[in-house]
Amino acid sequence: DYFIPLAIIAVMSSLSLGQLKAIGLKPIV
């Protein structure tokens, strides 16, 4: 009820979508 949900939202909130632009489309594919 708490530890697993907290782990999920914490890890997901560490991702900035804006930083993906610097990598480029091809490497992401």
mmCIF file of all heavy atoms, coordinates in Angstrom:
data_MODEL
# 
_entry.id   MODEL 
# 
loop_
_atom_site.group_PDB 
_atom_site.id 
_atom_site.type_symbol 
_atom_site.label_atom_id 
_atom_site.label_alt_id 
_atom_site.label_comp_id 
_atom_site.label_asym_id 
_atom_site.label_entity_id 
_atom_site.label_seq_id 
_atom_site.pdbx_PDB_ins_code 
_atom_site.Cartn_x 
_atom_site.Cartn_y 
_atom_site.Cartn_z 
_atom_site.occupancy 
_atom_site.B_iso_or_equiv 
_atom_site.pdbx_formal_charge 
_atom_site.auth_seq_id 
_atom_site.auth_comp_id 
_atom_site.auth_asym_id 
_atom_site.auth_atom_id 
_atom_site.pdbx_PDB_model_num 
ATOM 1   N N   . ASP A 1 1  ? 0.810  -1.225 0.000   1.00 0.00 ? 1  ASP A N   1 
ATOM 2   C CA  . ASP A 1 1  ? 0.000  0.000  0.000   1.00 0.00 ? 1  ASP A CA  1 
ATOM 3   C C   . ASP A 1 1  ? 0.838  1.268  0.000   1.00 0.00 ? 1  ASP A C   1 
ATOM 4   O O   . ASP A 1 1  ? 0.395  2.298  -0.530  1.00 0.00 ? 1  ASP A O   1 
ATOM 5   C CB  . ASP A 1 1  ? -0.927 0.018  1.224   1.00 0.00 ? 1  ASP A CB  1 
ATOM 6   C CG  . ASP A 1 1  ? -2.067 -0.980 1.117   1.00 0.00 ? 1  ASP A CG  1 
ATOM 7   O OD1 . ASP A 1 1  ? -2.382 -1.390 -0.019  1.00 0.00 ? 1  ASP A OD1 1 
ATOM 8   O OD2 . ASP A 1 1  ? -2.624 -1.354 2.154   1.00 0.00 ? 1  ASP A OD2 1 
ATOM 9   N N   . TYR A 1 2  ? 2.050  1.218  0.590   1.00 0.00 ? 2  TYR A N   1 
ATOM 10  C CA  . TYR A 1 2  ? 2.821  2.444  0.758   1.00 0.00 ? 2  TYR A CA  1 
ATOM 11  C C   . TYR A 1 2  ? 4.244  2.378  0.206   1.00 0.00 ? 2  TYR A C   1 
ATOM 12  O O   . TYR A 1 2  ? 4.635  3.241  -0.590  1.00 0.00 ? 2  TYR A O   1 
ATOM 13  C CB  . TYR A 1 2  ? 2.865  2.826  2.245   1.00 0.00 ? 2  TYR A CB  1 
ATOM 14  C CG  . TYR A 1 2  ? 1.521  3.274  2.759   1.00 0.00 ? 2  TYR A CG  1 
ATOM 15  C CD1 . TYR A 1 2  ? 0.692  2.388  3.433   1.00 0.00 ? 2  TYR A CD1 1 
ATOM 16  C CD2 . TYR A 1 2  ? 1.056  4.570  2.531   1.00 0.00 ? 2  TYR A CD2 1 
ATOM 17  C CE1 . TYR A 1 2  ? -0.563 2.783  3.881   1.00 0.00 ? 2  TYR A CE1 1 
ATOM 18  C CE2 . TYR A 1 2  ? -0.183 4.983  2.979   1.00 0.00 ? 2  TYR A CE2 1 
ATOM 19  C CZ  . TYR A 1 2  ? -0.992 4.082  3.651   1.00 0.00 ? 2  TYR A CZ  1 
ATOM 20  O OH  . TYR A 1 2  ? -2.233 4.481  4.076   1.00 0.00 ? 2  TYR A OH  1 
ATOM 21  N N   . PHE A 1 3  ? 5.032  1.372  0.591   1.00 0.00 ? 3  PHE A N   1 
ATOM 22  C CA  . PHE A 1 3  ? 6.428  1.348  0.158   1.00 0.00 ? 3  PHE A CA  1 
ATOM 23  C C   . PHE A 1 3  ? 6.561  1.219  -1.366  1.00 0.00 ? 3  PHE A C   1 
ATOM 24  O O   . PHE A 1 3  ? 7.316  1.967  -1.994  1.00 0.00 ? 3  PHE A O   1 
ATOM 25  C CB  . PHE A 1 3  ? 7.182  0.212  0.849   1.00 0.00 ? 3  PHE A CB  1 
ATOM 26  C CG  . PHE A 1 3  ? 7.351  0.386  2.323   1.00 0.00 ? 3  PHE A CG  1 
ATOM 27  C CD1 . PHE A 1 3  ? 7.418  -0.711 3.165   1.00 0.00 ? 3  PHE A CD1 1 
ATOM 28  C CD2 . PHE A 1 3  ? 7.437  1.652  2.889   1.00 0.00 ? 3  PHE A CD2 1 
ATOM 29  C CE1 . PHE A 1 3  ? 7.580  -0.550 4.545   1.00 0.00 ? 3  PHE A CE1 1 
ATOM 30  C CE2 . PHE A 1 3  ? 7.589  1.825  4.261   1.00 0.00 ? 3  PHE A CE2 1 
ATOM 31  C CZ  . PHE A 1 3  ? 7.656  0.715  5.082   1.00 0.00 ? 3  PHE A CZ  1 
ATOM 32  N N   . ILE A 1 4  ? 5.842  0.258  -1.958  1.00 0.00 ? 4  ILE A N   1 
ATOM 33  C CA  . ILE A 1 4  ? 5.939  0.065  -3.408  1.00 0.00 ? 4  ILE A CA  1 
ATOM 34  C C   . ILE A 1 4  ? 5.399  1.271  -4.174  1.00 0.00 ? 4  ILE A C   1 
ATOM 35  O O   . ILE A 1 4  ? 6.064  1.781  -5.088  1.00 0.00 ? 4  ILE A O   1 
ATOM 36  C CB  . ILE A 1 4  ? 5.238  -1.239 -3.839  1.00 0.00 ? 4  ILE A CB  1 
ATOM 37  C CG1 . ILE A 1 4  ? 5.977  -2.449 -3.265  1.00 0.00 ? 4  ILE A CG1 1 
ATOM 38  C CG2 . ILE A 1 4  ? 5.179  -1.347 -5.363  1.00 0.00 ? 4  ILE A CG2 1 
ATOM 39  C CD1 . ILE A 1 4  ? 5.313  -3.787 -3.579  1.00 0.00 ? 4  ILE A CD1 1 
ATOM 40  N N   . PRO A 1 5  ? 4.190  1.787  -3.840  1.00 0.00 ? 5  PRO A N   1 
ATOM 41  C CA  . PRO A 1 5  ? 3.703  2.991  -4.538  1.00 0.00 ? 5  PRO A CA  1 
ATOM 42  C C   . PRO A 1 5  ? 4.641  4.184  -4.395  1.00 0.00 ? 5  PRO A C   1 
ATOM 43  O O   . PRO A 1 5  ? 4.854  4.936  -5.354  1.00 0.00 ? 5  PRO A O   1 
ATOM 44  C CB  . PRO A 1 5  ? 2.353  3.263  -3.863  1.00 0.00 ? 5  PRO A CB  1 
ATOM 45  C CG  . PRO A 1 5  ? 1.889  1.931  -3.402  1.00 0.00 ? 5  PRO A CG  1 
ATOM 46  C CD  . PRO A 1 5  ? 3.147  1.234  -2.953  1.00 0.00 ? 5  PRO A CD  1 
ATOM 47  N N   . LEU A 1 6  ? 5.228  4.373  -3.202  1.00 0.00 ? 6  LEU A N   1 
ATOM 48  C CA  . LEU A 1 6  ? 6.164  5.478  -3.008  1.00 0.00 ? 6  LEU A CA  1 
ATOM 49  C C   . LEU A 1 6  ? 7.408  5.301  -3.875  1.00 0.00 ? 6  LEU A C   1 
ATOM 50  O O   . LEU A 1 6  ? 7.920  6.280  -4.446  1.00 0.00 ? 6  LEU A O   1 
ATOM 51  C CB  . LEU A 1 6  ? 6.566  5.575  -1.538  1.00 0.00 ? 6  LEU A CB  1 
ATOM 52  C CG  . LEU A 1 6  ? 5.633  6.373  -0.622  1.00 0.00 ? 6  LEU A CG  1 
ATOM 53  C CD1 . LEU A 1 6  ? 6.012  6.178  0.838   1.00 0.00 ? 6  LEU A CD1 1 
ATOM 54  C CD2 . LEU A 1 6  ? 5.656  7.857  -0.980  1.00 0.00 ? 6  LEU A CD2 1 
ATOM 55  N N   . ALA A 1 7  ? 7.896  4.077  -3.989  1.00 0.00 ? 7  ALA A N   1 
ATOM 56  C CA  . ALA A 1 7  ? 9.061  3.816  -4.833  1.00 0.00 ? 7  ALA A CA  1 
ATOM 57  C C   . ALA A 1 7  ? 8.749  4.141  -6.290  1.00 0.00 ? 7  ALA A C   1 
ATOM 58  O O   . ALA A 1 7  ? 9.575  4.730  -7.002  1.00 0.00 ? 7  ALA A O   1 
ATOM 59  C CB  . ALA A 1 7  ? 9.495  2.355  -4.698  1.00 0.00 ? 7  ALA A CB  1 
ATOM 60  N N   . ILE A 1 8  ? 7.549  3.783  -6.741  1.00 0.00 ? 8  ILE A N   1 
ATOM 61  C CA  . ILE A 1 8  ? 7.155  4.030  -8.134  1.00 0.00 ? 8  ILE A CA  1 
ATOM 62  C C   . ILE A 1 8  ? 7.120  5.524  -8.433  1.00 0.00 ? 8  ILE A C   1 
ATOM 63  O O   . ILE A 1 8  ? 7.734  6.005  -9.394  1.00 0.00 ? 8  ILE A O   1 
ATOM 64  C CB  . ILE A 1 8  ? 5.775  3.407  -8.421  1.00 0.00 ? 8  ILE A CB  1 
ATOM 65  C CG1 . ILE A 1 8  ? 5.855  1.890  -8.366  1.00 0.00 ? 8  ILE A CG1 1 
ATOM 66  C CG2 . ILE A 1 8  ? 5.246  3.857  -9.789  1.00 0.00 ? 8  ILE A CG2 1 
ATOM 67  C CD1 . ILE A 1 8  ? 4.504  1.223  -8.349  1.00 0.00 ? 8  ILE A CD1 1 
ATOM 68  N N   . ILE A 1 9  ? 6.397  6.287  -7.611  1.00 0.00 ? 9  ILE A N   1 
ATOM 69  C CA  . ILE A 1 9  ? 6.237  7.712  -7.905  1.00 0.00 ? 9  ILE A CA  1 
ATOM 70  C C   . ILE A 1 9  ? 7.558  8.462  -7.733  1.00 0.00 ? 9  ILE A C   1 
ATOM 71  O O   . ILE A 1 9  ? 7.837  9.420  -8.464  1.00 0.00 ? 9  ILE A O   1 
ATOM 72  C CB  . ILE A 1 9  ? 5.116  8.340  -7.030  1.00 0.00 ? 9  ILE A CB  1 
ATOM 73  C CG1 . ILE A 1 9  ? 4.765  9.732  -7.556  1.00 0.00 ? 9  ILE A CG1 1 
ATOM 74  C CG2 . ILE A 1 9  ? 5.500  8.373  -5.558  1.00 0.00 ? 9  ILE A CG2 1 
ATOM 75  C CD1 . ILE A 1 9  ? 3.535  10.328 -6.907  1.00 0.00 ? 9  ILE A CD1 1 
ATOM 76  N N   . ALA A 1 10 ? 8.404  8.017  -6.798  1.00 0.00 ? 10 ALA A N   1 
ATOM 77  C CA  . ALA A 1 10 ? 9.702  8.664  -6.606  1.00 0.00 ? 10 ALA A CA  1 
ATOM 78  C C   . ALA A 1 10 ? 10.600 8.463  -7.821  1.00 0.00 ? 10 ALA A C   1 
ATOM 79  O O   . ALA A 1 10 ? 11.208 9.422  -8.323  1.00 0.00 ? 10 ALA A O   1 
ATOM 80  C CB  . ALA A 1 10 ? 10.375 8.125  -5.342  1.00 0.00 ? 10 ALA A CB  1 
ATOM 81  N N   . VAL A 1 11 ? 10.690 7.233  -8.303  1.00 0.00 ? 11 VAL A N   1 
ATOM 82  C CA  . VAL A 1 11 ? 11.538 6.949  -9.466  1.00 0.00 ? 11 VAL A CA  1 
ATOM 83  C C   . VAL A 1 11 ? 11.013 7.655  -10.712 1.00 0.00 ? 11 VAL A C   1 
ATOM 84  O O   . VAL A 1 11 ? 11.780 8.247  -11.479 1.00 0.00 ? 11 VAL A O   1 
ATOM 85  C CB  . VAL A 1 11 ? 11.625 5.429  -9.708  1.00 0.00 ? 11 VAL A CB  1 
ATOM 86  C CG1 . VAL A 1 11 ? 12.293 5.142  -11.048 1.00 0.00 ? 11 VAL A CG1 1 
ATOM 87  C CG2 . VAL A 1 11 ? 12.413 4.764  -8.589  1.00 0.00 ? 11 VAL A CG2 1 
ATOM 88  N N   . MET A 1 12 ? 9.706  7.615  -10.914 1.00 0.00 ? 12 MET A N   1 
ATOM 89  C CA  . MET A 1 12 ? 9.123  8.255  -12.097 1.00 0.00 ? 12 MET A CA  1 
ATOM 90  C C   . MET A 1 12 ? 9.320  9.768  -12.070 1.00 0.00 ? 12 MET A C   1 
ATOM 91  O O   . MET A 1 12 ? 9.479  10.402 -13.113 1.00 0.00 ? 12 MET A O   1 
ATOM 92  C CB  . MET A 1 12 ? 7.641  7.927  -12.190 1.00 0.00 ? 12 MET A CB  1 
ATOM 93  C CG  . MET A 1 12 ? 7.335  6.473  -12.502 1.00 0.00 ? 12 MET A CG  1 
ATOM 94  S SD  . MET A 1 12 ? 7.897  5.965  -14.142 1.00 0.00 ? 12 MET A SD  1 
ATOM 95  C CE  . MET A 1 12 ? 6.670  6.718  -15.183 1.00 0.00 ? 12 MET A CE  1 
ATOM 96  N N   . SER A 1 13 ? 9.320  10.352 -10.891 1.00 0.00 ? 13 SER A N   1 
ATOM 97  C CA  . SER A 1 13 ? 9.475  11.804 -10.793 1.00 0.00 ? 13 SER A CA  1 
ATOM 98  C C   . SER A 1 13 ? 10.925 12.248 -10.956 1.00 0.00 ? 13 SER A C   1 
ATOM 99  O O   . SER A 1 13 ? 11.226 13.437 -10.861 1.00 0.00 ? 13 SER A O   1 
ATOM 100 C CB  . SER A 1 13 ? 8.927  12.310 -9.449  1.00 0.00 ? 13 SER A CB  1 
ATOM 101 O OG  . SER A 1 13 ? 9.730  11.887 -8.379  1.00 0.00 ? 13 SER A OG  1 
ATOM 102 N N   . SER A 1 14 ? 11.829 11.307 -11.176 1.00 0.00 ? 14 SER A N   1 
ATOM 103 C CA  . SER A 1 14 ? 13.231 11.658 -11.406 1.00 0.00 ? 14 SER A CA  1 
ATOM 104 C C   . SER A 1 14 ? 13.552 11.815 -12.898 1.00 0.00 ? 14 SER A C   1 
ATOM 105 O O   . SER A 1 14 ? 14.686 12.127 -13.255 1.00 0.00 ? 14 SER A O   1 
ATOM 106 C CB  . SER A 1 14 ? 14.149 10.589 -10.798 1.00 0.00 ? 14 SER A CB  1 
ATOM 107 O OG  . SER A 1 14 ? 13.990 9.357  -11.471 1.00 0.00 ? 14 SER A OG  1 
ATOM 108 N N   . LEU A 1 15 ? 12.559 11.616 -13.761 1.00 0.00 ? 15 LEU A N   1 
ATOM 109 C CA  . LEU A 1 15 ? 12.779 11.684 -15.212 1.00 0.00 ? 15 LEU A CA  1 
ATOM 110 C C   . LEU A 1 15 ? 12.329 13.028 -15.770 1.00 0.00 ? 15 LEU A C   1 
ATOM 111 O O   . LEU A 1 15 ? 11.176 13.425 -15.621 1.00 0.00 ? 15 LEU A O   1 
ATOM 112 C CB  . LEU A 1 15 ? 12.013 10.559 -15.924 1.00 0.00 ? 15 LEU A CB  1 
ATOM 113 C CG  . LEU A 1 15 ? 12.052 10.600 -17.463 1.00 0.00 ? 15 LEU A CG  1 
ATOM 114 C CD1 . LEU A 1 15 ? 13.480 10.405 -17.967 1.00 0.00 ? 15 LEU A CD1 1 
ATOM 115 C CD2 . LEU A 1 15 ? 11.139 9.543  -18.055 1.00 0.00 ? 15 LEU A CD2 1 
ATOM 116 N N   . SER A 1 16 ? 13.234 13.735 -16.416 1.00 0.00 ? 16 SER A N   1 
ATOM 117 C CA  . SER A 1 16 ? 12.912 14.985 -17.108 1.00 0.00 ? 16 SER A CA  1 
ATOM 118 C C   . SER A 1 16 ? 12.846 14.716 -18.608 1.00 0.00 ? 16 SER A C   1 
ATOM 119 O O   . SER A 1 16 ? 13.840 14.369 -19.236 1.00 0.00 ? 16 SER A O   1 
ATOM 120 C CB  . SER A 1 16 ? 13.981 16.044 -16.814 1.00 0.00 ? 16 SER A CB  1 
ATOM 121 O OG  . SER A 1 16 ? 13.779 17.188 -17.618 1.00 0.00 ? 16 SER A OG  1 
ATOM 122 N N   . LEU A 1 17 ? 11.649 14.880 -19.176 1.00 0.00 ? 17 LEU A N   1 
ATOM 123 C CA  . LEU A 1 17 ? 11.476 14.606 -20.607 1.00 0.00 ? 17 LEU A CA  1 
ATOM 124 C C   . LEU A 1 17 ? 12.267 15.570 -21.476 1.00 0.00 ? 17 LEU A C   1 
ATOM 125 O O   . LEU A 1 17 ? 12.687 15.231 -22.580 1.00 0.00 ? 17 LEU A O   1 
ATOM 126 C CB  . LEU A 1 17 ? 9.989  14.667 -20.963 1.00 0.00 ? 17 LEU A CB  1 
ATOM 127 C CG  . LEU A 1 17 ? 9.087  13.628 -20.280 1.00 0.00 ? 17 LEU A CG  1 
ATOM 128 C CD1 . LEU A 1 17 ? 7.621  13.847 -20.669 1.00 0.00 ? 17 LEU A CD1 1 
ATOM 129 C CD2 . LEU A 1 17 ? 9.513  12.221 -20.637 1.00 0.00 ? 17 LEU A CD2 1 
ATOM 130 N N   . GLY A 1 18 ? 12.495 16.785 -20.958 1.00 0.00 ? 18 GLY A N   1 
ATOM 131 C CA  . GLY A 1 18 ? 13.234 17.773 -21.741 1.00 0.00 ? 18 GLY A CA  1 
ATOM 132 C C   . GLY A 1 18 ? 14.657 17.345 -22.048 1.00 0.00 ? 18 GLY A C   1 
ATOM 133 O O   . GLY A 1 18 ? 15.222 17.700 -23.079 1.00 0.00 ? 18 GLY A O   1 
ATOM 134 N N   . GLN A 1 19 ? 15.264 16.550 -21.150 1.00 0.00 ? 19 GLN A N   1 
ATOM 135 C CA  . GLN A 1 19 ? 16.645 16.112 -21.360 1.00 0.00 ? 19 GLN A CA  1 
ATOM 136 C C   . GLN A 1 19 ? 16.774 15.110 -22.497 1.00 0.00 ? 19 GLN A C   1 
ATOM 137 O O   . GLN A 1 19 ? 17.860 14.907 -23.034 1.00 0.00 ? 19 GLN A O   1 
ATOM 138 C CB  . GLN A 1 19 ? 17.187 15.494 -20.072 1.00 0.00 ? 19 GLN A CB  1 
ATOM 139 C CG  . GLN A 1 19 ? 17.374 16.501 -18.945 1.00 0.00 ? 19 GLN A CG  1 
ATOM 140 C CD  . GLN A 1 19 ? 17.887 15.846 -17.683 1.00 0.00 ? 19 GLN A CD  1 
ATOM 141 O OE1 . GLN A 1 19 ? 17.620 14.680 -17.425 1.00 0.00 ? 19 GLN A OE1 1 
ATOM 142 N NE2 . GLN A 1 19 ? 18.609 16.596 -16.884 1.00 0.00 ? 19 GLN A NE2 1 
ATOM 143 N N   . LEU A 1 20 ? 15.661 14.483 -22.867 1.00 0.00 ? 20 LEU A N   1 
ATOM 144 C CA  . LEU A 1 20 ? 15.721 13.494 -23.946 1.00 0.00 ? 20 LEU A CA  1 
ATOM 145 C C   . LEU A 1 20 ? 16.062 14.136 -25.292 1.00 0.00 ? 20 LEU A C   1 
ATOM 146 O O   . LEU A 1 20 ? 16.599 13.486 -26.184 1.00 0.00 ? 20 LEU A O   1 
ATOM 147 C CB  . LEU A 1 20 ? 14.377 12.751 -24.056 1.00 0.00 ? 20 LEU A CB  1 
ATOM 148 C CG  . LEU A 1 20 ? 13.984 11.884 -22.861 1.00 0.00 ? 20 LEU A CG  1 
ATOM 149 C CD1 . LEU A 1 20 ? 12.607 11.283 -23.090 1.00 0.00 ? 20 LEU A CD1 1 
ATOM 150 C CD2 . LEU A 1 20 ? 15.005 10.799 -22.621 1.00 0.00 ? 20 LEU A CD2 1 
ATOM 151 N N   . LYS A 1 21 ? 15.753 15.437 -25.451 1.00 0.00 ? 21 LYS A N   1 
ATOM 152 C CA  . LYS A 1 21 ? 16.001 16.113 -26.726 1.00 0.00 ? 21 LYS A CA  1 
ATOM 153 C C   . LYS A 1 21 ? 17.485 16.144 -27.065 1.00 0.00 ? 21 LYS A C   1 
ATOM 154 O O   . LYS A 1 21 ? 17.864 16.080 -28.232 1.00 0.00 ? 21 LYS A O   1 
ATOM 155 C CB  . LYS A 1 21 ? 15.464 17.546 -26.655 1.00 0.00 ? 21 LYS A CB  1 
ATOM 156 C CG  . LYS A 1 21 ? 13.949 17.649 -26.480 1.00 0.00 ? 21 LYS A CG  1 
ATOM 157 C CD  . LYS A 1 21 ? 13.512 19.097 -26.380 1.00 0.00 ? 21 LYS A CD  1 
ATOM 158 C CE  . LYS A 1 21 ? 12.005 19.208 -26.146 1.00 0.00 ? 21 LYS A CE  1 
ATOM 159 N NZ  . LYS A 1 21 ? 11.573 20.620 -25.991 1.00 0.00 ? 21 LYS A NZ  1 
ATOM 160 N N   . ALA A 1 22 ? 18.322 16.237 -26.036 1.00 0.00 ? 22 ALA A N   1 
ATOM 161 C CA  . ALA A 1 22 ? 19.766 16.321 -26.277 1.00 0.00 ? 22 ALA A CA  1 
ATOM 162 C C   . ALA A 1 22 ? 20.340 15.018 -26.811 1.00 0.00 ? 22 ALA A C   1 
ATOM 163 O O   . ALA A 1 22 ? 21.398 15.008 -27.444 1.00 0.00 ? 22 ALA A O   1 
ATOM 164 C CB  . ALA A 1 22 ? 20.484 16.732 -24.993 1.00 0.00 ? 22 ALA A CB  1 
ATOM 165 N N   . ILE A 1 23 ? 19.671 13.919 -26.553 1.00 0.00 ? 23 ILE A N   1 
ATOM 166 C CA  . ILE A 1 23 ? 20.172 12.613 -26.999 1.00 0.00 ? 23 ILE A CA  1 
ATOM 167 C C   . ILE A 1 23 ? 19.937 12.424 -28.488 1.00 0.00 ? 23 ILE A C   1 
ATOM 168 O O   . ILE A 1 23 ? 20.790 11.894 -29.206 1.00 0.00 ? 23 ILE A O   1 
ATOM 169 C CB  . ILE A 1 23 ? 19.493 11.483 -26.196 1.00 0.00 ? 23 ILE A CB  1 
ATOM 170 C CG1 . ILE A 1 23 ? 19.892 11.591 -24.724 1.00 0.00 ? 23 ILE A CG1 1 
ATOM 171 C CG2 . ILE A 1 23 ? 19.878 10.110 -26.748 1.00 0.00 ? 23 ILE A CG2 1 
ATOM 172 C CD1 . ILE A 1 23 ? 19.224 10.591 -23.835 1.00 0.00 ? 23 ILE A CD1 1 
ATOM 173 N N   . GLY A 1 24 ? 18.790 12.852 -28.974 1.00 0.00 ? 24 GLY A N   1 
ATOM 174 C CA  . GLY A 1 24 ? 18.453 12.663 -30.375 1.00 0.00 ? 24 GLY A CA  1 
ATOM 175 C C   . GLY A 1 24 ? 17.520 11.484 -30.581 1.00 0.00 ? 24 GLY A C   1 
ATOM 176 O O   . GLY A 1 24 ? 17.465 10.564 -29.759 1.00 0.00 ? 24 GLY A O   1 
ATOM 177 N N   . LEU A 1 25 ? 16.790 11.502 -31.683 1.00 0.00 ? 25 LEU A N   1 
ATOM 178 C CA  . LEU A 1 25 ? 15.760 10.500 -31.943 1.00 0.00 ? 25 LEU A CA  1 
ATOM 179 C C   . LEU A 1 25 ? 16.341 9.110  -32.200 1.00 0.00 ? 25 LEU A C   1 
ATOM 180 O O   . LEU A 1 25 ? 15.852 8.110  -31.670 1.00 0.00 ? 25 LEU A O   1 
ATOM 181 C CB  . LEU A 1 25 ? 14.892 10.934 -33.127 1.00 0.00 ? 25 LEU A CB  1 
ATOM 182 C CG  . LEU A 1 25 ? 13.765 9.967  -33.518 1.00 0.00 ? 25 LEU A CG  1 
ATOM 183 C CD1 . LEU A 1 25 ? 12.789 9.784  -32.362 1.00 0.00 ? 25 LEU A CD1 1 
ATOM 184 C CD2 . LEU A 1 25 ? 13.050 10.459 -34.772 1.00 0.00 ? 25 LEU A CD2 1 
ATOM 185 N N   . LYS A 1 26 ? 17.385 9.027  -33.016 1.00 0.00 ? 26 LYS A N   1 
ATOM 186 C CA  . LYS A 1 26 ? 17.901 7.720  -33.422 1.00 0.00 ? 26 LYS A CA  1 
ATOM 187 C C   . LYS A 1 26 ? 18.402 6.877  -32.244 1.00 0.00 ? 26 LYS A C   1 
ATOM 188 O O   . LYS A 1 26 ? 18.045 5.695  -32.133 1.00 0.00 ? 26 LYS A O   1 
ATOM 189 C CB  . LYS A 1 26 ? 19.011 7.895  -34.469 1.00 0.00 ? 26 LYS A CB  1 
ATOM 190 C CG  . LYS A 1 26 ? 18.502 8.352  -35.837 1.00 0.00 ? 26 LYS A CG  1 
ATOM 191 C CD  . LYS A 1 26 ? 19.643 8.463  -36.827 1.00 0.00 ? 26 LYS A CD  1 
ATOM 192 C CE  . LYS A 1 26 ? 19.148 8.900  -38.200 1.00 0.00 ? 26 LYS A CE  1 
ATOM 193 N NZ  . LYS A 1 26 ? 20.264 9.014  -39.177 1.00 0.00 ? 26 LYS A NZ  1 
ATOM 194 N N   . PRO A 1 27 ? 19.232 7.431  -31.355 1.00 0.00 ? 27 PRO A N   1 
ATOM 195 C CA  . PRO A 1 27 ? 19.655 6.621  -30.200 1.00 0.00 ? 27 PRO A CA  1 
ATOM 196 C C   . PRO A 1 27 ? 18.484 6.173  -29.326 1.00 0.00 ? 27 PRO A C   1 
ATOM 197 O O   . PRO A 1 27 ? 18.498 5.063  -28.783 1.00 0.00 ? 27 PRO A O   1 
ATOM 198 C CB  . PRO A 1 27 ? 20.583 7.569  -29.425 1.00 0.00 ? 27 PRO A CB  1 
ATOM 199 C CG  . PRO A 1 27 ? 21.101 8.508  -30.461 1.00 0.00 ? 27 PRO A CG  1 
ATOM 200 C CD  . PRO A 1 27 ? 19.954 8.718  -31.394 1.00 0.00 ? 27 PRO A CD  1 
ATOM 201 N N   . ILE A 1 28 ? 17.462 7.027  -29.210 1.00 0.00 ? 28 ILE A N   1 
ATOM 202 C CA  . ILE A 1 28 ? 16.290 6.661  -28.416 1.00 0.00 ? 28 ILE A CA  1 
ATOM 203 C C   . ILE A 1 28 ? 15.533 5.519  -29.092 1.00 0.00 ? 28 ILE A C   1 
ATOM 204 O O   . ILE A 1 28 ? 15.017 4.618  -28.420 1.00 0.00 ? 28 ILE A O   1 
ATOM 205 C CB  . ILE A 1 28 ? 15.375 7.880  -28.198 1.00 0.00 ? 28 ILE A CB  1 
ATOM 206 C CG1 . ILE A 1 28 ? 16.082 8.902  -27.296 1.00 0.00 ? 28 ILE A CG1 1 
ATOM 207 C CG2 . ILE A 1 28 ? 14.042 7.458  -27.575 1.00 0.00 ? 28 ILE A CG2 1 
ATOM 208 C CD1 . ILE A 1 28 ? 15.304 10.183 -27.093 1.00 0.00 ? 28 ILE A CD1 1 
ATOM 209 N N   . VAL A 1 29 ? 15.485 5.529  -30.433 1.00 0.00 ? 29 VAL A N   1 
ATOM 210 C CA  . VAL A 1 29 ? 14.825 4.444  -31.160 1.00 0.00 ? 29 VAL A CA  1 
ATOM 211 C C   . VAL A 1 29 ? 15.588 3.131  -30.946 1.00 0.00 ? 29 VAL A C   1 
ATOM 212 O O   . VAL A 1 29 ? 14.975 2.070  -30.757 1.00 0.00 ? 29 VAL A O   1 
ATOM 213 C CB  . VAL A 1 29 ? 14.721 4.771  -32.673 1.00 0.00 ? 29 VAL A CB  1 
ATOM 214 C CG1 . VAL A 1 29 ? 14.245 3.549  -33.465 1.00 0.00 ? 29 VAL A CG1 1 
ATOM 215 C CG2 . VAL A 1 29 ? 13.768 5.923  -32.894 1.00 0.00 ? 29 VAL A CG2 1 
# 
